[in-house]
Amino acid sequence: MNFSNKQVLRTYASPHSKNAWANIQSIGWRKVGQLTTDGVTNMFVMLNAAKANSKTVSGTIDANNQISLLYL
């Protein structure tokens, strides 16, 4: 599922490896896909930047209901 121009309402991460989440407008809570550790971190940084600066994001939710692609 593709989405575009959605606000990031909240983000969450735990100290466990590759465990980052985002609550995206009209989509709800979705986990950042199980990419490389750096990939998950980079997406999480993008999500937080969007939230902090009131920017929207676009991307793709994969078949596992995880964020697999993200544009800021």
PDB file of N, CA and C in Angstrom:
ATOM      1  N   MET A   1       0.845  -1.174   0.000  1.00  0.00           N
ATOM      2  CA  MET A   1       0.000   0.000   0.000  1.00  0.00           C
ATOM      3  C   MET A   1       0.891   1.237   0.000  1.00  0.00           C
ATOM      4  N   ASN A   2       0.641   2.123  -0.914  1.00  0.00           N
ATOM      5  CA  ASN A   2       1.362   3.387  -0.975  1.00  0.00           C
ATOM      6  C   ASN A   2       0.592   4.449  -0.216  1.00  0.00           C
ATOM      7  N   PHE A   3       1.320   5.378   0.370  1.00  0.00           N
ATOM      8  CA  PHE A   3       0.683   6.515   1.030  1.00  0.00           C
ATOM      9  C   PHE A   3       1.484   7.765   0.692  1.00  0.00           C
ATOM     10  N   SER A   4       0.818   8.918   0.746  1.00  0.00           N
ATOM     11  CA  SER A   4       1.539  10.155   0.445  1.00  0.00           C
ATOM     12  C   SER A   4       1.010  11.306   1.282  1.00  0.00           C
ATOM     13  N   ASN A   5       1.913  12.210   1.577  1.00  0.00           N
ATOM     14  CA  ASN A   5       1.610  13.433   2.315  1.00  0.00           C
ATOM     15  C   ASN A   5       0.872  13.191   3.623  1.00  0.00           C
ATOM     16  N   LYS A   6       1.395  12.298   4.444  1.00  0.00           N
ATOM     17  CA  LYS A   6       0.796  11.974   5.745  1.00  0.00           C
ATOM     18  C   LYS A   6       1.667  12.540   6.860  1.00  0.00           C
ATOM     19  N   GLN A   7       1.014  13.026   7.900  1.00  0.00           N
ATOM     20  CA  GLN A   7       1.734  13.524   9.064  1.00  0.00           C
ATOM     21  C   GLN A   7       2.178  12.366   9.939  1.00  0.00           C
ATOM     22  N   VAL A   8       3.312  12.532  10.574  1.00  0.00           N
ATOM     23  CA  VAL A   8       3.784  11.573  11.570  1.00  0.00           C
ATOM     24  C   VAL A   8       3.251  12.068  12.915  1.00  0.00           C
ATOM     25  N   LEU A   9       2.357  11.296  13.526  1.00  0.00           N
ATOM     26  CA  LEU A   9       1.719  11.716  14.763  1.00  0.00           C
ATOM     27  C   LEU A   9       2.569  11.402  15.990  1.00  0.00           C
ATOM     28  N   ARG A  10       3.226  10.251  15.985  1.00  0.00           N
ATOM     29  CA  ARG A  10       4.077   9.827  17.093  1.00  0.00           C
ATOM     30  C   ARG A  10       5.112   8.838  16.584  1.00  0.00           C
ATOM     31  N   THR A  11       6.193   8.725  17.348  1.00  0.00           N
ATOM     32  CA  THR A  11       7.203   7.699  17.050  1.00  0.00           C
ATOM     33  C   THR A  11       7.551   6.982  18.342  1.00  0.00           C
ATOM     34  N   TYR A  12       8.092   5.784  18.190  1.00  0.00           N
ATOM     35  CA  TYR A  12       8.480   4.985  19.354  1.00  0.00           C
ATOM     36  C   TYR A  12       9.633   4.063  18.954  1.00  0.00           C
ATOM     37  N   ALA A  13      10.578   3.912  19.842  1.00  0.00           N
ATOM     38  CA  ALA A  13      11.654   2.939  19.652  1.00  0.00           C
ATOM     39  C   ALA A  13      12.039   2.398  21.018  1.00  0.00           C
ATOM     40  N   SER A  14      12.479   1.149  21.035  1.00  0.00           N
ATOM     41  CA  SER A  14      12.961   0.538  22.273  1.00  0.00           C
ATOM     42  C   SER A  14      14.453   0.254  22.099  1.00  0.00           C
ATOM     43  N   PRO A  15      15.137  -0.132  23.171  1.00  0.00           N
ATOM     44  CA  PRO A  15      16.563  -0.418  23.041  1.00  0.00           C
ATOM     45  C   PRO A  15      16.868  -1.724  22.298  1.00  0.00           C
ATOM     46  N   HIS A  16      15.847  -2.453  21.925  1.00  0.00           N
ATOM     47  CA  HIS A  16      16.047  -3.702  21.191  1.00  0.00           C
ATOM     48  C   HIS A  16      16.419  -3.404  19.739  1.00  0.00           C
ATOM     49  N   SER A  17      17.205  -4.237  19.149  1.00  0.00           N
ATOM     50  CA  SER A  17      17.667  -4.031  17.788  1.00  0.00           C
ATOM     51  C   SER A  17      16.506  -3.996  16.795  1.00  0.00           C
ATOM     52  N   LYS A  18      16.522  -3.009  15.930  1.00  0.00           N
ATOM     53  CA  LYS A  18      15.552  -2.857  14.838  1.00  0.00           C
ATOM     54  C   LYS A  18      14.107  -2.785  15.317  1.00  0.00           C
ATOM     55  N   ASN A  19      13.842  -2.094  16.400  1.00  0.00           N
ATOM     56  CA  ASN A  19      12.476  -1.959  16.913  1.00  0.00           C
ATOM     57  C   ASN A  19      12.075  -0.493  16.940  1.00  0.00           C
ATOM     58  N   ALA A  20      11.620   0.007  15.795  1.00  0.00           N
ATOM     59  CA  ALA A  20      11.170   1.387  15.657  1.00  0.00           C
ATOM     60  C   ALA A  20       9.774   1.393  15.056  1.00  0.00           C
ATOM     61  N   TRP A  21       8.928   2.306  15.553  1.00  0.00           N
ATOM     62  CA  TRP A  21       7.534   2.378  15.139  1.00  0.00           C
ATOM     63  C   TRP A  21       7.141   3.824  14.852  1.00  0.00           C
ATOM     64  N   ALA A  22       6.089   4.002  14.046  1.00  0.00           N
ATOM     65  CA  ALA A  22       5.536   5.328  13.790  1.00  0.00           C
ATOM     66  C   ALA A  22       4.022   5.238  13.700  1.00  0.00           C
ATOM     67  N   ASN A  23       3.359   6.241  14.257  1.00  0.00           N
ATOM     68  CA  ASN A  23       1.916   6.386  14.114  1.00  0.00           C
ATOM     69  C   ASN A  23       1.717   7.416  13.009  1.00  0.00           C
ATOM     70  N   ILE A  24       1.242   6.956  11.872  1.00  0.00           N
ATOM     71  CA  ILE A  24       1.097   7.805  10.694  1.00  0.00           C
ATOM     72  C   ILE A  24      -0.383   8.126  10.490  1.00  0.00           C
ATOM     73  N   GLN A  25      -0.638   9.375  10.193  1.00  0.00           N
ATOM     74  CA  GLN A  25      -2.000   9.883   9.997  1.00  0.00           C
ATOM     75  C   GLN A  25      -2.828   8.958   9.110  1.00  0.00           C
ATOM     76  N   SER A  26      -3.981   8.568   9.585  1.00  0.00           N
ATOM     77  CA  SER A  26      -4.983   7.725   8.925  1.00  0.00           C
ATOM     78  C   SER A  26      -4.507   6.301   8.614  1.00  0.00           C
ATOM     79  N   ILE A  27      -3.292   5.956   9.008  1.00  0.00           N
ATOM     80  CA  ILE A  27      -2.775   4.601   8.802  1.00  0.00           C
ATOM     81  C   ILE A  27      -2.637   3.881  10.138  1.00  0.00           C
ATOM     82  N   GLY A  28      -2.194   4.604  11.161  1.00  0.00           N
ATOM     83  CA  GLY A  28      -2.012   4.018  12.485  1.00  0.00           C
ATOM     84  C   GLY A  28      -0.566   3.610  12.720  1.00  0.00           C
ATOM     85  N   TRP A  29      -0.368   2.858  13.786  1.00  0.00           N
ATOM     86  CA  TRP A  29       0.972   2.419  14.159  1.00  0.00           C
ATOM     87  C   TRP A  29       1.487   1.368  13.183  1.00  0.00           C
ATOM     88  N   ARG A  30       2.688   1.602  12.678  1.00  0.00           N
ATOM     89  CA  ARG A  30       3.354   0.649  11.794  1.00  0.00           C
ATOM     90  C   ARG A  30       4.816   0.540  12.204  1.00  0.00           C
ATOM     91  N   LYS A  31       5.328  -0.664  12.159  1.00  0.00           N
ATOM     92  CA  LYS A  31       6.730  -0.909  12.475  1.00  0.00           C
ATOM     93  C   LYS A  31       7.585  -0.594  11.253  1.00  0.00           C
ATOM     94  N   VAL A  32       8.756  -0.039  11.499  1.00  0.00           N
ATOM     95  CA  VAL A  32       9.708   0.172  10.415  1.00  0.00           C
ATOM     96  C   VAL A  32      10.217  -1.200   9.998  1.00  0.00           C
ATOM     97  N   GLY A  33      10.191  -1.483   8.707  1.00  0.00           N
ATOM     98  CA  GLY A  33      10.571  -2.785   8.176  1.00  0.00           C
ATOM     99  C   GLY A  33      11.930  -3.254   8.659  1.00  0.00           C
ATOM    100  N   GLN A  34      12.102  -4.544   8.700  1.00  0.00           N
ATOM    101  CA  GLN A  34      13.323  -5.162   9.202  1.00  0.00           C
ATOM    102  C   GLN A  34      14.446  -5.087   8.180  1.00  0.00           C
ATOM    103  N   LEU A  35      14.931  -3.892   7.989  1.00  0.00           N
ATOM    104  CA  LEU A  35      16.048  -3.655   7.081  1.00  0.00           C
ATOM    105  C   LEU A  35      17.338  -3.918   7.841  1.00  0.00           C
ATOM    106  N   THR A  36      18.388  -3.349   7.386  1.00  0.00           N
ATOM    107  CA  THR A  36      19.622  -3.384   8.164  1.00  0.00           C
ATOM    108  C   THR A  36      19.433  -2.504   9.391  1.00  0.00           C
ATOM    109  N   THR A  37      20.279  -2.656  10.368  1.00  0.00           N
ATOM    110  CA  THR A  37      20.193  -1.815  11.560  1.00  0.00           C
ATOM    111  C   THR A  37      20.301  -0.341  11.179  1.00  0.00           C
ATOM    112  N   ASP A  38      21.218  -0.010  10.290  1.00  0.00           N
ATOM    113  CA  ASP A  38      21.354   1.376   9.843  1.00  0.00           C
ATOM    114  C   ASP A  38      20.122   1.846   9.078  1.00  0.00           C
ATOM    115  N   GLY A  39      19.507   0.973   8.299  1.00  0.00           N
ATOM    116  CA  GLY A  39      18.303   1.332   7.558  1.00  0.00           C
ATOM    117  C   GLY A  39      17.149   1.677   8.483  1.00  0.00           C
ATOM    118  N   VAL A  40      16.965   0.894   9.530  1.00  0.00           N
ATOM    119  CA  VAL A  40      15.905   1.166  10.507  1.00  0.00           C
ATOM    120  C   VAL A  40      16.197   2.486  11.219  1.00  0.00           C
ATOM    121  N   THR A  41      17.447   2.685  11.600  1.00  0.00           N
ATOM    122  CA  THR A  41      17.832   3.930  12.267  1.00  0.00           C
ATOM    123  C   THR A  41      17.601   5.134  11.362  1.00  0.00           C
ATOM    124  N   ASN A  42      17.985   5.034  10.100  1.00  0.00           N
ATOM    125  CA  ASN A  42      17.810   6.148   9.166  1.00  0.00           C
ATOM    126  C   ASN A  42      16.339   6.481   8.953  1.00  0.00           C
ATOM    127  N   MET A  43      15.487   5.471   8.827  1.00  0.00           N
ATOM    128  CA  MET A  43      14.058   5.729   8.681  1.00  0.00           C
ATOM    129  C   MET A  43      13.490   6.368   9.945  1.00  0.00           C
ATOM    130  N   PHE A  44      13.937   5.895  11.101  1.00  0.00           N
ATOM    131  CA  PHE A  44      13.464   6.448  12.365  1.00  0.00           C
ATOM    132  C   PHE A  44      13.873   7.921  12.499  1.00  0.00           C
ATOM    133  N   VAL A  45      15.080   8.246  12.073  1.00  0.00           N
ATOM    134  CA  VAL A  45      15.539   9.642  12.086  1.00  0.00           C
ATOM    135  C   VAL A  45      14.662  10.484  11.158  1.00  0.00           C
ATOM    136  N   MET A  46      14.337   9.962   9.985  1.00  0.00           N
ATOM    137  CA  MET A  46      13.461  10.683   9.052  1.00  0.00           C
ATOM    138  C   MET A  46      12.074  10.918   9.653  1.00  0.00           C
ATOM    139  N   LEU A  47      11.532   9.896  10.280  1.00  0.00           N
ATOM    140  CA  LEU A  47      10.210  10.024  10.901  1.00  0.00           C
ATOM    141  C   LEU A  47      10.219  11.075  12.002  1.00  0.00           C
ATOM    142  N   ASN A  48      11.269  11.090  12.809  1.00  0.00           N
ATOM    143  CA  ASN A  48      11.371  12.081  13.877  1.00  0.00           C
ATOM    144  C   ASN A  48      11.583  13.486  13.328  1.00  0.00           C
ATOM    145  N   ALA A  49      12.351  13.614  12.260  1.00  0.00           N
ATOM    146  CA  ALA A  49      12.558  14.914  11.625  1.00  0.00           C
ATOM    147  C   ALA A  49      11.238  15.457  11.076  1.00  0.00           C
ATOM    148  N   ALA A  50      10.453  14.580  10.460  1.00  0.00           N
ATOM    149  CA  ALA A  50       9.146  14.987   9.940  1.00  0.00           C
ATOM    150  C   ALA A  50       8.238  15.443  11.079  1.00  0.00           C
ATOM    151  N   LYS A  51       8.216  14.693  12.157  1.00  0.00           N
ATOM    152  CA  LYS A  51       7.385  15.047  13.304  1.00  0.00           C
ATOM    153  C   LYS A  51       7.823  16.375  13.917  1.00  0.00           C
ATOM    154  N   ALA A  52       9.115  16.537  14.129  1.00  0.00           N
ATOM    155  CA  ALA A  52       9.650  17.735  14.780  1.00  0.00           C
ATOM    156  C   ALA A  52       9.456  19.001  13.951  1.00  0.00           C
ATOM    157  N   ASN A  53       9.443  18.851  12.630  1.00  0.00           N
ATOM    158  CA  ASN A  53       9.362  20.012  11.747  1.00  0.00           C
ATOM    159  C   ASN A  53       8.034  20.149  11.022  1.00  0.00           C
ATOM    160  N   SER A  54       7.029  19.399  11.463  1.00  0.00           N
ATOM    161  CA  SER A  54       5.682  19.445  10.871  1.00  0.00           C
ATOM    162  C   SER A  54       5.703  19.219   9.363  1.00  0.00           C
ATOM    163  N   LYS A  55       6.506  18.266   8.927  1.00  0.00           N
ATOM    164  CA  LYS A  55       6.573  17.884   7.514  1.00  0.00           C
ATOM    165  C   LYS A  55       5.768  16.613   7.303  1.00  0.00           C
ATOM    166  N   THR A  56       5.400  16.354   6.065  1.00  0.00           N
ATOM    167  CA  THR A  56       4.677  15.121   5.760  1.00  0.00           C
ATOM    168  C   THR A  56       5.636  14.107   5.151  1.00  0.00           C
ATOM    169  N   VAL A  57       5.225  12.850   5.202  1.00  0.00           N
ATOM    170  CA  VAL A  57       6.012  11.771   4.618  1.00  0.00           C
ATOM    171  C   VAL A  57       5.162  11.000   3.618  1.00  0.00           C
ATOM    172  N   SER A  58       5.841  10.335   2.717  1.00  0.00           N
ATOM    173  CA  SER A  58       5.211   9.439   1.750  1.00  0.00           C
ATOM    174  C   SER A  58       5.996   8.151   1.768  1.00  0.00           C
ATOM    175  N   GLY A  59       5.361   7.067   1.360  1.00  0.00           N
ATOM    176  CA  GLY A  59       6.093   5.815   1.345  1.00  0.00           C
ATOM    177  C   GLY A  59       5.223   4.625   1.008  1.00  0.00           C
ATOM    178  N   THR A  60       5.689   3.455   1.440  1.00  0.00           N
ATOM    179  CA  THR A  60       5.029   2.192   1.137  1.00  0.00           C
ATOM    180  C   THR A  60       4.953   1.335   2.386  1.00  0.00           C
ATOM    181  N   ILE A  61       3.786   0.717   2.579  1.00  0.00           N
ATOM    182  CA  ILE A  61       3.588  -0.298   3.613  1.00  0.00           C
ATOM    183  C   ILE A  61       3.606  -1.643   2.892  1.00  0.00           C
ATOM    184  N   ASP A  62       4.456  -2.563   3.339  1.00  0.00           N
ATOM    185  CA  ASP A  62       4.585  -3.852   2.650  1.00  0.00           C
ATOM    186  C   ASP A  62       3.521  -4.851   3.100  1.00  0.00           C
ATOM    187  N   ALA A  63       3.611  -6.064   2.607  1.00  0.00           N
ATOM    188  CA  ALA A  63       2.627  -7.111   2.902  1.00  0.00           C
ATOM    189  C   ALA A  63       2.611  -7.497   4.382  1.00  0.00           C
ATOM    190  N   ASN A  64       3.702  -7.211   5.100  1.00  0.00           N
ATOM    191  CA  ASN A  64       3.760  -7.507   6.541  1.00  0.00           C
ATOM    192  C   ASN A  64       3.278  -6.329   7.382  1.00  0.00           C
ATOM    193  N   ASN A  65       2.659  -5.333   6.734  1.00  0.00           N
ATOM    194  CA  ASN A  65       2.188  -4.107   7.397  1.00  0.00           C
ATOM    195  C   ASN A  65       3.319  -3.306   8.022  1.00  0.00           C
ATOM    196  N   GLN A  66       4.490  -3.347   7.429  1.00  0.00           N
ATOM    197  CA  GLN A  66       5.636  -2.588   7.908  1.00  0.00           C
ATOM    198  C   GLN A  66       6.013  -1.523   6.895  1.00  0.00           C
ATOM    199  N   ILE A  67       6.603  -0.438   7.397  1.00  0.00           N
ATOM    200  CA  ILE A  67       7.057   0.635   6.515  1.00  0.00           C
ATOM    201  C   ILE A  67       8.307   0.135   5.791  1.00  0.00           C
ATOM    202  N   SER A  68       8.215   0.042   4.477  1.00  0.00           N
ATOM    203  CA  SER A  68       9.345  -0.488   3.714  1.00  0.00           C
ATOM    204  C   SER A  68      10.060   0.568   2.894  1.00  0.00           C
ATOM    205  N   LEU A  69       9.410   1.691   2.647  1.00  0.00           N
ATOM    206  CA  LEU A  69       9.986   2.764   1.850  1.00  0.00           C
ATOM    207  C   LEU A  69       9.465   4.072   2.403  1.00  0.00           C
ATOM    208  N   LEU A  70      10.328   5.084   2.500  1.00  0.00           N
ATOM    209  CA  LEU A  70       9.918   6.343   3.110  1.00  0.00           C
ATOM    210  C   LEU A  70      10.581   7.512   2.419  1.00  0.00           C
ATOM    211  N   TYR A  71       9.796   8.541   2.113  1.00  0.00           N
ATOM    212  CA  TYR A  71      10.284   9.783   1.540  1.00  0.00           C
ATOM    213  C   TYR A  71       9.895  10.919   2.464  1.00  0.00           C
ATOM    214  N   LEU A  72      10.792  11.868   2.630  1.00  0.00           N
ATOM    215  CA  LEU A  72      10.522  13.024   3.458  1.00  0.00           C
ATOM    216  C   LEU A  72      10.413  14.241   2.563  1.00  0.00           C
TER     217      LEU A  72
END
